[in-house]
Amino acid sequence: MRRSKGFRSKTRKKLKSEGKRITITEKLHEYAVSEKVVLKLNPAVQKGMPHPRYQGHVGNILCRRGNSYLVEITDGKKKKTLIARPEHIRAI
């Protein structure tokens, strides 16, 4: 049987749930443009989750897009734009 290479492969420790559920305040939190945030993925919610390689990165909010936010991070020397829901980001 072929090895699975899905979106959440090799993330057993990184996406450990810690028995935490999503709260309504996390889901409804509003972030201002150019606010600094940390990508902290919530494994209880799969929708709107950035790739697990960006766990712990710090970035700025560019704008709101529907229910999600555009977050600009620096990965080495490159600037990258990610789409993340408010459950997966935390204010600094």
PDB file of N, CA and C in Angstrom:
ATOM      1  N   MET A   1       0.838  -1.177   0.000  1.00  0.00           N
ATOM      2  CA  MET A   1       0.000   0.000   0.000  1.00  0.00           C
ATOM      3  C   MET A   1       0.888   1.246   0.000  1.00  0.00           C
ATOM      4  N   ARG A   2       0.507   2.253  -0.776  1.00  0.00           N
ATOM      5  CA  ARG A   2       1.294   3.476  -0.861  1.00  0.00           C
ATOM      6  C   ARG A   2       1.165   4.295   0.408  1.00  0.00           C
ATOM      7  N   ARG A   3       2.233   5.004   0.721  1.00  0.00           N
ATOM      8  CA  ARG A   3       2.232   5.867   1.893  1.00  0.00           C
ATOM      9  C   ARG A   3       1.412   7.123   1.620  1.00  0.00           C
ATOM     10  N   SER A   4       0.622   7.525   2.598  1.00  0.00           N
ATOM     11  CA  SER A   4      -0.184   8.725   2.455  1.00  0.00           C
ATOM     12  C   SER A   4       0.696   9.966   2.561  1.00  0.00           C
ATOM     13  N   LYS A   5       0.470  10.926   1.692  1.00  0.00           N
ATOM     14  CA  LYS A   5       1.217  12.182   1.723  1.00  0.00           C
ATOM     15  C   LYS A   5       0.237  13.341   1.738  1.00  0.00           C
ATOM     16  N   GLY A   6      -0.718  13.281   2.651  1.00  0.00           N
ATOM     17  CA  GLY A   6      -1.769  14.282   2.714  1.00  0.00           C
ATOM     18  C   GLY A   6      -1.335  15.570   3.396  1.00  0.00           C
ATOM     19  N   PHE A   7      -2.294  16.466   3.534  1.00  0.00           N
ATOM     20  CA  PHE A   7      -2.070  17.801   4.082  1.00  0.00           C
ATOM     21  C   PHE A   7      -1.578  17.747   5.520  1.00  0.00           C
ATOM     22  N   ARG A   8      -2.063  16.784   6.301  1.00  0.00           N
ATOM     23  CA  ARG A   8      -1.714  16.712   7.718  1.00  0.00           C
ATOM     24  C   ARG A   8      -0.733  15.579   8.036  1.00  0.00           C
ATOM     25  N   SER A   9      -0.008  15.085   7.044  1.00  0.00           N
ATOM     26  CA  SER A   9       0.942  14.011   7.303  1.00  0.00           C
ATOM     27  C   SER A   9       2.154  14.544   8.066  1.00  0.00           C
ATOM     28  N   LYS A  10       2.729  13.727   8.941  1.00  0.00           N
ATOM     29  CA  LYS A  10       3.893  14.055   9.768  1.00  0.00           C
ATOM     30  C   LYS A  10       3.626  15.224  10.711  1.00  0.00           C
ATOM     31  N   THR A  11       2.406  15.359  11.216  1.00  0.00           N
ATOM     32  CA  THR A  11       2.083  16.474  12.107  1.00  0.00           C
ATOM     33  C   THR A  11       1.512  15.982  13.430  1.00  0.00           C
ATOM     34  N   ARG A  12       1.872  14.785  13.850  1.00  0.00           N
ATOM     35  CA  ARG A  12       1.295  14.224  15.077  1.00  0.00           C
ATOM     36  C   ARG A  12       1.597  15.103  16.293  1.00  0.00           C
ATOM     37  N   LYS A  13       2.825  15.560  16.440  1.00  0.00           N
ATOM     38  CA  LYS A  13       3.161  16.391  17.589  1.00  0.00           C
ATOM     39  C   LYS A  13       2.794  17.852  17.354  1.00  0.00           C
ATOM     40  N   LYS A  14       2.933  18.304  16.126  1.00  0.00           N
ATOM     41  CA  LYS A  14       2.674  19.700  15.820  1.00  0.00           C
ATOM     42  C   LYS A  14       1.203  20.066  15.991  1.00  0.00           C
ATOM     43  N   LEU A  15       0.308  19.162  15.617  1.00  0.00           N
ATOM     44  CA  LEU A  15      -1.126  19.435  15.692  1.00  0.00           C
ATOM     45  C   LEU A  15      -1.793  18.649  16.812  1.00  0.00           C
ATOM     46  N   LYS A  16      -1.101  18.473  17.916  1.00  0.00           N
ATOM     47  CA  LYS A  16      -1.681  17.780  19.059  1.00  0.00           C
ATOM     48  C   LYS A  16      -2.809  18.636  19.621  1.00  0.00           C
ATOM     49  N   SER A  17      -3.963  18.044  19.855  1.00  0.00           N
ATOM     50  CA  SER A  17      -5.145  18.843  20.171  1.00  0.00           C
ATOM     51  C   SER A  17      -5.164  19.383  21.588  1.00  0.00           C
ATOM     52  N   GLU A  18      -4.484  18.743  22.543  1.00  0.00           N
ATOM     53  CA  GLU A  18      -4.412  19.189  23.927  1.00  0.00           C
ATOM     54  C   GLU A  18      -5.796  19.274  24.572  1.00  0.00           C
ATOM     55  N   GLY A  19      -6.785  18.601  24.035  1.00  0.00           N
ATOM     56  CA  GLY A  19      -8.120  18.587  24.619  1.00  0.00           C
ATOM     57  C   GLY A  19      -8.833  19.922  24.554  1.00  0.00           C
ATOM     58  N   LYS A  20      -8.436  20.789  23.618  1.00  0.00           N
ATOM     59  CA  LYS A  20      -9.011  22.119  23.539  1.00  0.00           C
ATOM     60  C   LYS A  20     -10.083  22.173  22.464  1.00  0.00           C
ATOM     61  N   ARG A  21     -11.202  22.779  22.818  1.00  0.00           N
ATOM     62  CA  ARG A  21     -12.272  22.976  21.843  1.00  0.00           C
ATOM     63  C   ARG A  21     -12.247  24.414  21.353  1.00  0.00           C
ATOM     64  N   ILE A  22     -12.904  24.647  20.245  1.00  0.00           N
ATOM     65  CA  ILE A  22     -13.013  25.990  19.693  1.00  0.00           C
ATOM     66  C   ILE A  22     -14.060  26.769  20.482  1.00  0.00           C
ATOM     67  N   THR A  23     -13.747  28.002  20.834  1.00  0.00           N
ATOM     68  CA  THR A  23     -14.715  28.831  21.534  1.00  0.00           C
ATOM     69  C   THR A  23     -15.278  29.869  20.571  1.00  0.00           C
ATOM     70  N   ILE A  24     -16.439  30.384  20.901  1.00  0.00           N
ATOM     71  CA  ILE A  24     -17.094  31.347  20.012  1.00  0.00           C
ATOM     72  C   ILE A  24     -16.306  32.652  19.947  1.00  0.00           C
ATOM     73  N   THR A  25     -15.595  32.998  21.040  1.00  0.00           N
ATOM     74  CA  THR A  25     -14.824  34.241  21.025  1.00  0.00           C
ATOM     75  C   THR A  25     -13.633  34.145  20.073  1.00  0.00           C
ATOM     76  N   GLU A  26     -13.028  32.971  19.948  1.00  0.00           N
ATOM     77  CA  GLU A  26     -11.936  32.798  18.986  1.00  0.00           C
ATOM     78  C   GLU A  26     -12.449  32.934  17.563  1.00  0.00           C
ATOM     79  N   LYS A  27     -13.619  32.415  17.327  1.00  0.00           N
ATOM     80  CA  LYS A  27     -14.187  32.418  15.982  1.00  0.00           C
ATOM     81  C   LYS A  27     -14.643  33.811  15.549  1.00  0.00           C
ATOM     82  N   LEU A  28     -15.107  34.620  16.514  1.00  0.00           N
ATOM     83  CA  LEU A  28     -15.649  35.941  16.186  1.00  0.00           C
ATOM     84  C   LEU A  28     -14.665  37.083  16.421  1.00  0.00           C
ATOM     85  N   HIS A  29     -13.431  36.783  16.791  1.00  0.00           N
ATOM     86  CA  HIS A  29     -12.456  37.836  17.082  1.00  0.00           C
ATOM     87  C   HIS A  29     -12.141  38.626  15.821  1.00  0.00           C
ATOM     88  N   GLU A  30     -12.154  39.952  15.934  1.00  0.00           N
ATOM     89  CA  GLU A  30     -11.839  40.835  14.807  1.00  0.00           C
ATOM     90  C   GLU A  30     -10.392  41.304  14.930  1.00  0.00           C
ATOM     91  N   TYR A  31      -9.655  41.268  13.845  1.00  0.00           N
ATOM     92  CA  TYR A  31      -8.276  41.735  13.817  1.00  0.00           C
ATOM     93  C   TYR A  31      -8.198  42.967  12.931  1.00  0.00           C
ATOM     94  N   ALA A  32      -7.409  43.951  13.347  1.00  0.00           N
ATOM     95  CA  ALA A  32      -7.239  45.177  12.584  1.00  0.00           C
ATOM     96  C   ALA A  32      -6.170  44.974  11.510  1.00  0.00           C
ATOM     97  N   VAL A  33      -6.232  45.799  10.481  1.00  0.00           N
ATOM     98  CA  VAL A  33      -5.233  45.745   9.412  1.00  0.00           C
ATOM     99  C   VAL A  33      -3.893  46.184   9.993  1.00  0.00           C
ATOM    100  N   SER A  34      -2.838  45.529   9.597  1.00  0.00           N
ATOM    101  CA  SER A  34      -1.440  45.720  10.024  1.00  0.00           C
ATOM    102  C   SER A  34      -1.204  45.327  11.485  1.00  0.00           C
ATOM    103  N   GLU A  35      -2.096  44.530  12.070  1.00  0.00           N
ATOM    104  CA  GLU A  35      -1.885  44.003  13.417  1.00  0.00           C
ATOM    105  C   GLU A  35      -0.968  42.786  13.338  1.00  0.00           C
ATOM    106  N   LYS A  36      -0.041  42.665  14.302  1.00  0.00           N
ATOM    107  CA  LYS A  36       0.868  41.523  14.322  1.00  0.00           C
ATOM    108  C   LYS A  36       0.174  40.329  14.945  1.00  0.00           C
ATOM    109  N   VAL A  37       0.281  39.181  14.282  1.00  0.00           N
ATOM    110  CA  VAL A  37      -0.356  37.956  14.760  1.00  0.00           C
ATOM    111  C   VAL A  37       0.614  36.784  14.639  1.00  0.00           C
ATOM    112  N   VAL A  38       0.314  35.725  15.391  1.00  0.00           N
ATOM    113  CA  VAL A  38       1.071  34.482  15.338  1.00  0.00           C
ATOM    114  C   VAL A  38       0.166  33.410  14.766  1.00  0.00           C
ATOM    115  N   LEU A  39       0.689  32.591  13.869  1.00  0.00           N
ATOM    116  CA  LEU A  39      -0.079  31.469  13.345  1.00  0.00           C
ATOM    117  C   LEU A  39       0.010  30.319  14.339  1.00  0.00           C
ATOM    118  N   LYS A  40      -1.090  30.047  15.010  1.00  0.00           N
ATOM    119  CA  LYS A  40      -1.165  28.949  15.967  1.00  0.00           C
ATOM    120  C   LYS A  40      -2.343  28.096  15.538  1.00  0.00           C
ATOM    121  N   LEU A  41      -2.068  27.010  14.870  1.00  0.00           N
ATOM    122  CA  LEU A  41      -3.103  26.198  14.250  1.00  0.00           C
ATOM    123  C   LEU A  41      -3.927  25.467  15.299  1.00  0.00           C
ATOM    124  N   ASN A  42      -5.227  25.469  15.095  1.00  0.00           N
ATOM    125  CA  ASN A  42      -6.150  24.753  15.968  1.00  0.00           C
ATOM    126  C   ASN A  42      -6.562  23.475  15.237  1.00  0.00           C
ATOM    127  N   PRO A  43      -6.144  22.306  15.724  1.00  0.00           N
ATOM    128  CA  PRO A  43      -6.422  21.066  15.001  1.00  0.00           C
ATOM    129  C   PRO A  43      -7.892  20.645  15.032  1.00  0.00           C
ATOM    130  N   ALA A  44      -8.693  21.266  15.877  1.00  0.00           N
ATOM    131  CA  ALA A  44     -10.108  20.925  15.937  1.00  0.00           C
ATOM    132  C   ALA A  44     -10.863  21.452  14.724  1.00  0.00           C
ATOM    133  N   VAL A  45     -10.292  22.446  14.025  1.00  0.00           N
ATOM    134  CA  VAL A  45     -10.940  23.064  12.869  1.00  0.00           C
ATOM    135  C   VAL A  45     -10.030  22.877  11.669  1.00  0.00           C
ATOM    136  N   GLN A  46     -10.491  22.137  10.655  1.00  0.00           N
ATOM    137  CA  GLN A  46      -9.671  21.899   9.469  1.00  0.00           C
ATOM    138  C   GLN A  46      -9.872  22.980   8.417  1.00  0.00           C
ATOM    139  N   LYS A  47     -11.039  23.610   8.419  1.00  0.00           N
ATOM    140  CA  LYS A  47     -11.357  24.599   7.401  1.00  0.00           C
ATOM    141  C   LYS A  47     -10.564  25.883   7.656  1.00  0.00           C
ATOM    142  N   GLY A  48      -9.950  26.414   6.627  1.00  0.00           N
ATOM    143  CA  GLY A  48      -9.212  27.670   6.745  1.00  0.00           C
ATOM    144  C   GLY A  48      -7.884  27.536   7.453  1.00  0.00           C
ATOM    145  N   MET A  49      -7.336  26.326   7.500  1.00  0.00           N
ATOM    146  CA  MET A  49      -6.061  26.094   8.183  1.00  0.00           C
ATOM    147  C   MET A  49      -4.917  26.279   7.191  1.00  0.00           C
ATOM    148  N   PRO A  50      -3.939  27.169   7.506  1.00  0.00           N
ATOM    149  CA  PRO A  50      -2.758  27.254   6.649  1.00  0.00           C
ATOM    150  C   PRO A  50      -1.932  25.972   6.760  1.00  0.00           C
ATOM    151  N   HIS A  51      -0.965  25.818   5.901  1.00  0.00           N
ATOM    152  CA  HIS A  51      -0.154  24.610   5.920  1.00  0.00           C
ATOM    153  C   HIS A  51       0.589  24.507   7.245  1.00  0.00           C
ATOM    154  N   PRO A  52       0.702  23.311   7.818  1.00  0.00           N
ATOM    155  CA  PRO A  52       1.367  23.145   9.118  1.00  0.00           C
ATOM    156  C   PRO A  52       2.827  23.592   9.162  1.00  0.00           C
ATOM    157  N   ARG A  53       3.495  23.756   8.028  1.00  0.00           N
ATOM    158  CA  ARG A  53       4.887  24.224   8.053  1.00  0.00           C
ATOM    159  C   ARG A  53       4.983  25.673   8.540  1.00  0.00           C
ATOM    160  N   TYR A  54       3.867  26.414   8.520  1.00  0.00           N
ATOM    161  CA  TYR A  54       3.879  27.806   8.956  1.00  0.00           C
ATOM    162  C   TYR A  54       3.448  27.973  10.411  1.00  0.00           C
ATOM    163  N   GLN A  55       3.322  26.883  11.161  1.00  0.00           N
ATOM    164  CA  GLN A  55       2.966  26.929  12.580  1.00  0.00           C
ATOM    165  C   GLN A  55       4.003  27.741  13.344  1.00  0.00           C
ATOM    166  N   GLY A  56       3.560  28.761  14.071  1.00  0.00           N
ATOM    167  CA  GLY A  56       4.444  29.572  14.892  1.00  0.00           C
ATOM    168  C   GLY A  56       5.031  30.789  14.205  1.00  0.00           C
ATOM    169  N   HIS A  57       4.778  30.989  12.926  1.00  0.00           N
ATOM    170  CA  HIS A  57       5.299  32.155  12.223  1.00  0.00           C
ATOM    171  C   HIS A  57       4.549  33.413  12.654  1.00  0.00           C
ATOM    172  N   VAL A  58       5.257  34.532  12.641  1.00  0.00           N
ATOM    173  CA  VAL A  58       4.671  35.826  12.979  1.00  0.00           C
ATOM    174  C   VAL A  58       4.463  36.597  11.691  1.00  0.00           C
ATOM    175  N   GLY A  59       3.304  37.252  11.584  1.00  0.00           N
ATOM    176  CA  GLY A  59       3.010  38.011  10.382  1.00  0.00           C
ATOM    177  C   GLY A  59       2.102  39.186  10.659  1.00  0.00           C
ATOM    178  N   ASN A  60       1.752  39.911   9.594  1.00  0.00           N
ATOM    179  CA  ASN A  60       0.867  41.065   9.678  1.00  0.00           C
ATOM    180  C   ASN A  60      -0.427  40.766   8.932  1.00  0.00           C
ATOM    181  N   ILE A  61      -1.527  41.301   9.437  1.00  0.00           N
ATOM    182  CA  ILE A  61      -2.816  41.185   8.751  1.00  0.00           C
ATOM    183  C   ILE A  61      -2.832  42.178   7.603  1.00  0.00           C
ATOM    184  N   LEU A  62      -3.100  41.703   6.394  1.00  0.00           N
ATOM    185  CA  LEU A  62      -3.195  42.592   5.240  1.00  0.00           C
ATOM    186  C   LEU A  62      -4.615  43.100   5.052  1.00  0.00           C
ATOM    187  N   CYS A  63      -5.585  42.183   5.051  1.00  0.00           N
ATOM    188  CA  CYS A  63      -6.978  42.564   4.887  1.00  0.00           C
ATOM    189  C   CYS A  63      -7.860  41.386   5.276  1.00  0.00           C
ATOM    190  N   ARG A  64      -9.154  41.649   5.293  1.00  0.00           N
ATOM    191  CA  ARG A  64     -10.109  40.590   5.571  1.00  0.00           C
ATOM    192  C   ARG A  64     -10.686  40.122   4.246  1.00  0.00           C
ATOM    193  N   ARG A  65     -10.827  38.809   4.103  1.00  0.00           N
ATOM    194  CA  ARG A  65     -11.386  38.250   2.875  1.00  0.00           C
ATOM    195  C   ARG A  65     -12.454  37.241   3.268  1.00  0.00           C
ATOM    196  N   GLY A  66     -13.714  37.679   3.245  1.00  0.00           N
ATOM    197  CA  GLY A  66     -14.815  36.827   3.671  1.00  0.00           C
ATOM    198  C   GLY A  66     -14.733  36.576   5.162  1.00  0.00           C
ATOM    199  N   ASN A  67     -14.705  35.315   5.580  1.00  0.00           N
ATOM    200  CA  ASN A  67     -14.547  34.973   6.988  1.00  0.00           C
ATOM    201  C   ASN A  67     -13.087  34.849   7.390  1.00  0.00           C
ATOM    202  N   SER A  68     -12.171  34.968   6.433  1.00  0.00           N
ATOM    203  CA  SER A  68     -10.747  34.741   6.684  1.00  0.00           C
ATOM    204  C   SER A  68      -9.962  36.043   6.622  1.00  0.00           C
ATOM    205  N   TYR A  69      -8.667  35.926   6.913  1.00  0.00           N
ATOM    206  CA  TYR A  69      -7.756  37.058   6.844  1.00  0.00           C
ATOM    207  C   TYR A  69      -6.576  36.698   5.966  1.00  0.00           C
ATOM    208  N   LEU A  70      -6.041  37.698   5.270  1.00  0.00           N
ATOM    209  CA  LEU A  70      -4.793  37.534   4.542  1.00  0.00           C
ATOM    210  C   LEU A  70      -3.666  37.921   5.490  1.00  0.00           C
ATOM    211  N   VAL A  71      -2.735  37.011   5.714  1.00  0.00           N
ATOM    212  CA  VAL A  71      -1.620  37.233   6.628  1.00  0.00           C
ATOM    213  C   VAL A  71      -0.335  37.169   5.820  1.00  0.00           C
ATOM    214  N   GLU A  72       0.490  38.218   5.930  1.00  0.00           N
ATOM    215  CA  GLU A  72       1.771  38.244   5.234  1.00  0.00           C
ATOM    216  C   GLU A  72       2.871  37.851   6.214  1.00  0.00           C
ATOM    217  N   ILE A  73       3.625  36.817   5.862  1.00  0.00           N
ATOM    218  CA  ILE A  73       4.725  36.353   6.702  1.00  0.00           C
ATOM    219  C   ILE A  73       6.012  36.427   5.904  1.00  0.00           C
ATOM    220  N   THR A  74       7.140  36.342   6.603  1.00  0.00           N
ATOM    221  CA  THR A  74       8.443  36.284   5.958  1.00  0.00           C
ATOM    222  C   THR A  74       9.009  34.896   6.193  1.00  0.00           C
ATOM    223  N   ASP A  75       9.251  34.184   5.108  1.00  0.00           N
ATOM    224  CA  ASP A  75       9.798  32.836   5.175  1.00  0.00           C
ATOM    225  C   ASP A  75      11.206  32.897   4.598  1.00  0.00           C
ATOM    226  N   GLY A  76      12.177  33.073   5.478  1.00  0.00           N
ATOM    227  CA  GLY A  76      13.547  33.287   5.005  1.00  0.00           C
ATOM    228  C   GLY A  76      13.651  34.707   4.484  1.00  0.00           C
ATOM    229  N   LYS A  77      13.935  34.852   3.191  1.00  0.00           N
ATOM    230  CA  LYS A  77      13.988  36.181   2.581  1.00  0.00           C
ATOM    231  C   LYS A  77      12.736  36.490   1.769  1.00  0.00           C
ATOM    232  N   LYS A  78      11.851  35.495   1.619  1.00  0.00           N
ATOM    233  CA  LYS A  78      10.661  35.679   0.797  1.00  0.00           C
ATOM    234  C   LYS A  78       9.473  36.113   1.638  1.00  0.00           C
ATOM    235  N   LYS A  79       8.651  36.979   1.085  1.00  0.00           N
ATOM    236  CA  LYS A  79       7.388  37.348   1.721  1.00  0.00           C
ATOM    237  C   LYS A  79       6.296  36.482   1.120  1.00  0.00           C
ATOM    238  N   LYS A  80       5.476  35.896   1.988  1.00  0.00           N
ATOM    239  CA  LYS A  80       4.403  35.021   1.529  1.00  0.00           C
ATOM    240  C   LYS A  80       3.087  35.491   2.108  1.00  0.00           C
ATOM    241  N   THR A  81       2.020  35.288   1.358  1.00  0.00           N
ATOM    242  CA  THR A  81       0.695  35.662   1.800  1.00  0.00           C
ATOM    243  C   THR A  81      -0.114  34.389   2.011  1.00  0.00           C
ATOM    244  N   LEU A  82      -0.668  34.242   3.221  1.00  0.00           N
ATOM    245  CA  LEU A  82      -1.456  33.069   3.577  1.00  0.00           C
ATOM    246  C   LEU A  82      -2.880  33.484   3.880  1.00  0.00           C
ATOM    247  N   ILE A  83      -3.802  32.581   3.645  1.00  0.00           N
ATOM    248  CA  ILE A  83      -5.189  32.789   4.011  1.00  0.00           C
ATOM    249  C   ILE A  83      -5.467  31.939   5.238  1.00  0.00           C
ATOM    250  N   ALA A  84      -5.941  32.578   6.321  1.00  0.00           N
ATOM    251  CA  ALA A  84      -6.187  31.855   7.562  1.00  0.00           C
ATOM    252  C   ALA A  84      -7.453  32.376   8.220  1.00  0.00           C
ATOM    253  N   ARG A  85      -8.196  31.460   8.802  1.00  0.00           N
ATOM    254  CA  ARG A  85      -9.370  31.853   9.568  1.00  0.00           C
ATOM    255  C   ARG A  85      -8.944  32.310  10.963  1.00  0.00           C
ATOM    256  N   PRO A  86      -9.812  33.058  11.664  1.00  0.00           N
ATOM    257  CA  PRO A  86      -9.422  33.596  12.973  1.00  0.00           C
ATOM    258  C   PRO A  86      -9.159  32.543  14.029  1.00  0.00           C
ATOM    259  N   GLU A  87      -9.623  31.311  13.851  1.00  0.00           N
ATOM    260  CA  GLU A  87      -9.349  30.253  14.826  1.00  0.00           C
ATOM    261  C   GLU A  87      -7.881  29.860  14.838  1.00  0.00           C
ATOM    262  N   HIS A  88      -7.169  30.151  13.738  1.00  0.00           N
ATOM    263  CA  HIS A  88      -5.790  29.708  13.581  1.00  0.00           C
ATOM    264  C   HIS A  88      -4.764  30.823  13.796  1.00  0.00           C
ATOM    265  N   ILE A  89      -5.206  32.004  14.190  1.00  0.00           N
ATOM    266  CA  ILE A  89      -4.270  33.111  14.435  1.00  0.00           C
ATOM    267  C   ILE A  89      -4.523  33.692  15.823  1.00  0.00           C
ATOM    268  N   ARG A  90      -3.467  34.233  16.430  1.00  0.00           N
ATOM    269  CA  ARG A  90      -3.538  34.840  17.756  1.00  0.00           C
ATOM    270  C   ARG A  90      -2.820  36.186  17.704  1.00  0.00           C
ATOM    271  N   ALA A  91      -3.356  37.185  18.400  1.00  0.00           N
ATOM    272  CA  ALA A  91      -2.715  38.482  18.471  1.00  0.00           C
ATOM    273  C   ALA A  91      -1.496  38.416  19.394  1.00  0.00           C
ATOM    274  N   ILE A  92      -0.495  39.211  19.093  1.00  0.00           N
ATOM    275  CA  ILE A  92       0.699  39.249  19.947  1.00  0.00           C
ATOM    276  C   ILE A  92       0.454  40.204  21.083  1.00  0.00           C
TER     277      ILE A  92
END
